[in-house]
């Protein structure tokens, strides 16, 4: 009775260090055995107001989160990426509708200085996922020192912690 996200990640690997890292990453996943937190990498929520310094509240444009997503599996955790490359991972502790916006209470403050909506590149939901299958293909366009490509499929799992 719940939606479990399925998505893909396309990888472009160049050079032996990236090839080695990717293979180690895949071995660590053990096929569908070991879950990992995977962001949607889409703008699932959009900030509607400045986040005050030392605040744990985030005001977003109405997206139906309070009505449909609050406390649902794989909808409790977010990845907040700023335009300067800084990334924050937080759990949504509570959500309240406020007209055309929703106020989300986060598990911890983001930072001591204010963050404007223009500074937020993207707010994505995180899902606890495993690889969608036990087999993957790495296509070596050149030798091990050169270019390789691969695609990993992800399947959200329950319980999500």
C-alpha atoms as a PDB file:
ATOM      1  CA  UNK A   1       0.000   0.000   0.000  1.00  0.00           C
ATOM      2  CA  UNK A   2       2.991   2.362  -0.312  1.00  0.00           C
ATOM      3  CA  UNK A   3       4.974   3.690  -3.264  1.00  0.00           C
ATOM      4  CA  UNK A   4       8.565   2.497  -3.510  1.00  0.00           C
ATOM      5  CA  UNK A   5      10.719   4.608  -5.806  1.00  0.00           C
ATOM      6  CA  UNK A   6      12.737   3.012  -8.587  1.00  0.00           C
ATOM      7  CA  UNK A   7      15.442   5.034 -10.318  1.00  0.00           C
ATOM      8  CA  UNK A   8      18.704   4.727 -12.224  1.00  0.00           C
ATOM      9  CA  UNK A   9      22.107   6.315 -11.937  1.00  0.00           C
ATOM     10  CA  UNK A  10      24.325   6.578 -15.004  1.00  0.00           C
ATOM     11  CA  UNK A  11      28.050   6.486 -14.273  1.00  0.00           C
ATOM     12  CA  UNK A  12      30.906   7.754 -16.431  1.00  0.00           C
ATOM     13  CA  UNK A  13      34.237   6.570 -15.063  1.00  0.00           C
ATOM     14  CA  UNK A  14      37.612   7.755 -16.211  1.00  0.00           C
ATOM     15  CA  UNK A  15      40.923   6.315 -15.095  1.00  0.00           C
ATOM     16  CA  UNK A  16      41.922   3.449 -12.871  1.00  0.00           C
ATOM     17  CA  UNK A  17      41.166   5.207  -9.532  1.00  0.00           C
ATOM     18  CA  UNK A  18      37.510   5.808 -10.527  1.00  0.00           C
ATOM     19  CA  UNK A  19      37.182   2.260 -11.902  1.00  0.00           C
ATOM     20  CA  UNK A  20      38.595   0.862  -8.648  1.00  0.00           C
ATOM     21  CA  UNK A  21      36.305   3.034  -6.511  1.00  0.00           C
ATOM     22  CA  UNK A  22      33.231   1.994  -8.522  1.00  0.00           C
ATOM     23  CA  UNK A  23      33.992  -1.712  -8.307  1.00  0.00           C
ATOM     24  CA  UNK A  24      34.582  -1.413  -4.553  1.00  0.00           C
ATOM     25  CA  UNK A  25      31.295   0.479  -4.226  1.00  0.00           C
ATOM     26  CA  UNK A  26      29.472  -2.313  -6.072  1.00  0.00           C
ATOM     27  CA  UNK A  27      31.166  -5.089  -4.061  1.00  0.00           C
ATOM     28  CA  UNK A  28      30.138  -3.297  -0.853  1.00  0.00           C
ATOM     29  CA  UNK A  29      26.498  -3.265  -2.019  1.00  0.00           C
ATOM     30  CA  UNK A  30      26.568  -7.098  -2.372  1.00  0.00           C
ATOM     31  CA  UNK A  31      23.907  -6.989  -5.064  1.00  0.00           C
ATOM     32  CA  UNK A  32      20.545  -6.399  -3.390  1.00  0.00           C
ATOM     33  CA  UNK A  33      21.874  -7.144   0.084  1.00  0.00           C
ATOM     34  CA  UNK A  34      23.263  -3.873   1.479  1.00  0.00           C
ATOM     35  CA  UNK A  35      21.008  -0.786   1.342  1.00  0.00           C
ATOM     36  CA  UNK A  36      22.248   2.766   0.920  1.00  0.00           C
ATOM     37  CA  UNK A  37      20.536   6.167   1.118  1.00  0.00           C
ATOM     38  CA  UNK A  38      19.916   7.459  -2.421  1.00  0.00           C
ATOM     39  CA  UNK A  39      18.609  10.970  -3.171  1.00  0.00           C
ATOM     40  CA  UNK A  40      16.074  11.474  -5.953  1.00  0.00           C
ATOM     41  CA  UNK A  41      18.315  14.246  -7.402  1.00  0.00           C
ATOM     42  CA  UNK A  42      15.172  16.185  -8.338  1.00  0.00           C
ATOM     43  CA  UNK A  43      13.678  19.318  -6.800  1.00  0.00           C
ATOM     44  CA  UNK A  44      11.045  17.503  -4.728  1.00  0.00           C
ATOM     45  CA  UNK A  45      10.444  20.513  -2.465  1.00  0.00           C
ATOM     46  CA  UNK A  46      11.056  24.215  -3.111  1.00  0.00           C
ATOM     47  CA  UNK A  47      12.017  26.655  -0.355  1.00  0.00           C
ATOM     48  CA  UNK A  48       9.552  29.514   0.020  1.00  0.00           C
ATOM     49  CA  UNK A  49      11.216  31.564   2.758  1.00  0.00           C
ATOM     50  CA  UNK A  50      14.605  32.270   4.272  1.00  0.00           C
ATOM     51  CA  UNK A  51      15.788  29.738   6.836  1.00  0.00           C
ATOM     52  CA  UNK A  52      16.834  31.753   9.864  1.00  0.00           C
ATOM     53  CA  UNK A  53      20.173  31.044  11.506  1.00  0.00           C
ATOM     54  CA  UNK A  54      19.935  28.518  14.362  1.00  0.00           C
ATOM     55  CA  UNK A  55      16.486  27.452  13.132  1.00  0.00           C
ATOM     56  CA  UNK A  56      15.178  23.955  12.495  1.00  0.00           C
ATOM     57  CA  UNK A  57      12.174  25.071  10.417  1.00  0.00           C
ATOM     58  CA  UNK A  58      12.062  25.038   6.640  1.00  0.00           C
ATOM     59  CA  UNK A  59       9.167  26.706   4.809  1.00  0.00           C
ATOM     60  CA  UNK A  60       8.457  25.196   1.400  1.00  0.00           C
ATOM     61  CA  UNK A  61       5.906  25.829  -1.326  1.00  0.00           C
ATOM     62  CA  UNK A  62       2.818  23.681  -0.851  1.00  0.00           C
ATOM     63  CA  UNK A  63       3.512  20.219  -2.305  1.00  0.00           C
ATOM     64  CA  UNK A  64       1.035  18.129  -0.355  1.00  0.00           C
ATOM     65  CA  UNK A  65       3.746  16.758   1.912  1.00  0.00           C
ATOM     66  CA  UNK A  66       1.780  17.315   5.133  1.00  0.00           C
ATOM     67  CA  UNK A  67      -1.293  15.699   3.626  1.00  0.00           C
ATOM     68  CA  UNK A  68       0.273  12.792   1.719  1.00  0.00           C
ATOM     69  CA  UNK A  69       3.931  12.315   2.694  1.00  0.00           C
ATOM     70  CA  UNK A  70       4.248  13.066   6.400  1.00  0.00           C
ATOM     71  CA  UNK A  71       5.722  10.075   8.291  1.00  0.00           C
ATOM     72  CA  UNK A  72       5.548   7.851   5.197  1.00  0.00           C
ATOM     73  CA  UNK A  73       8.403   5.441   4.421  1.00  0.00           C
ATOM     74  CA  UNK A  74      11.116   6.986   2.233  1.00  0.00           C
ATOM     75  CA  UNK A  75       9.632  10.471   2.686  1.00  0.00           C
ATOM     76  CA  UNK A  76      11.065  11.364   6.095  1.00  0.00           C
ATOM     77  CA  UNK A  77      14.608  12.292   5.018  1.00  0.00           C
ATOM     78  CA  UNK A  78      15.849  15.072   2.740  1.00  0.00           C
ATOM     79  CA  UNK A  79      19.044  16.180   1.061  1.00  0.00           C
ATOM     80  CA  UNK A  80      19.386  19.967   0.923  1.00  0.00           C
ATOM     81  CA  UNK A  81      22.004  21.143  -1.572  1.00  0.00           C
ATOM     82  CA  UNK A  82      23.115  24.769  -1.638  1.00  0.00           C
ATOM     83  CA  UNK A  83      24.409  26.595  -4.711  1.00  0.00           C
ATOM     84  CA  UNK A  84      27.912  26.698  -3.179  1.00  0.00           C
ATOM     85  CA  UNK A  85      28.007  22.874  -3.126  1.00  0.00           C
ATOM     86  CA  UNK A  86      27.309  22.446   0.594  1.00  0.00           C
ATOM     87  CA  UNK A  87      24.973  19.524   1.303  1.00  0.00           C
ATOM     88  CA  UNK A  88      22.887  18.880   4.416  1.00  0.00           C
ATOM     89  CA  UNK A  89      21.061  15.670   5.281  1.00  0.00           C
ATOM     90  CA  UNK A  90      18.149  16.009   7.670  1.00  0.00           C
ATOM     91  CA  UNK A  91      15.111  14.090   8.881  1.00  0.00           C
ATOM     92  CA  UNK A  92      11.705  15.784   8.806  1.00  0.00           C
ATOM     93  CA  UNK A  93      10.344  15.596  12.348  1.00  0.00           C
ATOM     94  CA  UNK A  94       7.026  17.335  11.690  1.00  0.00           C
ATOM     95  CA  UNK A  95       5.099  19.172   8.980  1.00  0.00           C
ATOM     96  CA  UNK A  96       2.253  21.695   9.142  1.00  0.00           C
ATOM     97  CA  UNK A  97       0.259  23.304   6.325  1.00  0.00           C
ATOM     98  CA  UNK A  98       0.165  27.092   6.305  1.00  0.00           C
ATOM     99  CA  UNK A  99      -1.939  28.216   3.336  1.00  0.00           C
ATOM    100  CA  UNK A 100       0.173  28.165   0.177  1.00  0.00           C
ATOM    101  CA  UNK A 101       3.186  26.866   2.082  1.00  0.00           C
ATOM    102  CA  UNK A 102       4.154  24.049   4.419  1.00  0.00           C
ATOM    103  CA  UNK A 103       6.422  24.405   7.426  1.00  0.00           C
ATOM    104  CA  UNK A 104       8.737  21.462   7.983  1.00  0.00           C
ATOM    105  CA  UNK A 105      10.509  20.958  11.295  1.00  0.00           C
ATOM    106  CA  UNK A 106      13.920  19.377  10.742  1.00  0.00           C
ATOM    107  CA  UNK A 107      15.774  17.057  13.125  1.00  0.00           C
ATOM    108  CA  UNK A 108      18.669  19.502  13.534  1.00  0.00           C
ATOM    109  CA  UNK A 109      19.556  23.036  12.503  1.00  0.00           C
ATOM    110  CA  UNK A 110      21.325  23.549   9.183  1.00  0.00           C
ATOM    111  CA  UNK A 111      23.776  26.260  10.190  1.00  0.00           C
ATOM    112  CA  UNK A 112      24.096  29.335  12.342  1.00  0.00           C
ATOM    113  CA  UNK A 113      23.656  31.832   9.484  1.00  0.00           C
ATOM    114  CA  UNK A 114      20.527  32.409   7.418  1.00  0.00           C
ATOM    115  CA  UNK A 115      19.941  30.594   4.105  1.00  0.00           C
ATOM    116  CA  UNK A 116      17.832  32.326   1.438  1.00  0.00           C
ATOM    117  CA  UNK A 117      15.749  30.371  -1.097  1.00  0.00           C
ATOM    118  CA  UNK A 118      18.114  31.612  -3.843  1.00  0.00           C
ATOM    119  CA  UNK A 119      21.004  29.838  -2.065  1.00  0.00           C
ATOM    120  CA  UNK A 120      19.192  26.468  -2.191  1.00  0.00           C
ATOM    121  CA  UNK A 121      19.853  24.581  -5.406  1.00  0.00           C
ATOM    122  CA  UNK A 122      17.690  21.578  -4.628  1.00  0.00           C
ATOM    123  CA  UNK A 123      15.768  19.778  -1.888  1.00  0.00           C
ATOM    124  CA  UNK A 124      15.498  16.049  -2.651  1.00  0.00           C
ATOM    125  CA  UNK A 125      13.919  13.169  -0.777  1.00  0.00           C
ATOM    126  CA  UNK A 126      16.241  10.367   0.327  1.00  0.00           C
ATOM    127  CA  UNK A 127      15.173   6.741   0.030  1.00  0.00           C
ATOM    128  CA  UNK A 128      16.824   3.714   1.554  1.00  0.00           C
ATOM    129  CA  UNK A 129      17.576   1.625  -1.549  1.00  0.00           C
ATOM    130  CA  UNK A 130      19.297  -1.514  -2.684  1.00  0.00           C
ATOM    131  CA  UNK A 131      20.546  -2.232  -6.161  1.00  0.00           C
ATOM    132  CA  UNK A 132      17.604  -3.253  -8.333  1.00  0.00           C
ATOM    133  CA  UNK A 133      19.427  -6.376  -9.483  1.00  0.00           C
ATOM    134  CA  UNK A 134      22.364  -8.596  -8.651  1.00  0.00           C
ATOM    135  CA  UNK A 135      24.110  -8.146 -12.003  1.00  0.00           C
ATOM    136  CA  UNK A 136      25.622  -4.998 -13.497  1.00  0.00           C
ATOM    137  CA  UNK A 137      27.513  -4.294 -16.675  1.00  0.00           C
ATOM    138  CA  UNK A 138      30.542  -2.044 -16.954  1.00  0.00           C
ATOM    139  CA  UNK A 139      31.225  -1.072 -20.555  1.00  0.00           C
ATOM    140  CA  UNK A 140      34.893  -0.248 -21.121  1.00  0.00           C
ATOM    141  CA  UNK A 141      35.027   2.196 -24.009  1.00  0.00           C
ATOM    142  CA  UNK A 142      38.834   2.081 -23.830  1.00  0.00           C
ATOM    143  CA  UNK A 143      41.305   0.289 -21.568  1.00  0.00           C
ATOM    144  CA  UNK A 144      41.292   0.380 -17.743  1.00  0.00           C
ATOM    145  CA  UNK A 145      43.103   3.729 -17.787  1.00  0.00           C
ATOM    146  CA  UNK A 146      40.395   5.283 -19.965  1.00  0.00           C
ATOM    147  CA  UNK A 147      36.644   5.664 -20.155  1.00  0.00           C
ATOM    148  CA  UNK A 148      33.988   3.245 -18.887  1.00  0.00           C
ATOM    149  CA  UNK A 149      30.221   3.583 -18.413  1.00  0.00           C
ATOM    150  CA  UNK A 150      27.698   1.763 -16.278  1.00  0.00           C
ATOM    151  CA  UNK A 151      24.110   2.127 -15.084  1.00  0.00           C
ATOM    152  CA  UNK A 152      22.880   1.115 -11.648  1.00  0.00           C
ATOM    153  CA  UNK A 153      19.203   0.623 -10.945  1.00  0.00           C
ATOM    154  CA  UNK A 154      17.934   1.427  -7.435  1.00  0.00           C
ATOM    155  CA  UNK A 155      14.890   0.030  -5.640  1.00  0.00           C
ATOM    156  CA  UNK A 156      13.585   1.664  -2.461  1.00  0.00           C
ATOM    157  CA  UNK A 157      13.048  -0.725   0.447  1.00  0.00           C
ATOM    158  CA  UNK A 158      10.935  -0.870   3.599  1.00  0.00           C
ATOM    159  CA  UNK A 159      11.485  -0.430   6.460  1.00  0.00           C
ATOM    160  CA  UNK A 160      13.477   2.709   5.804  1.00  0.00           C
ATOM    161  CA  UNK A 161      14.746   3.188   9.392  1.00  0.00           C
END
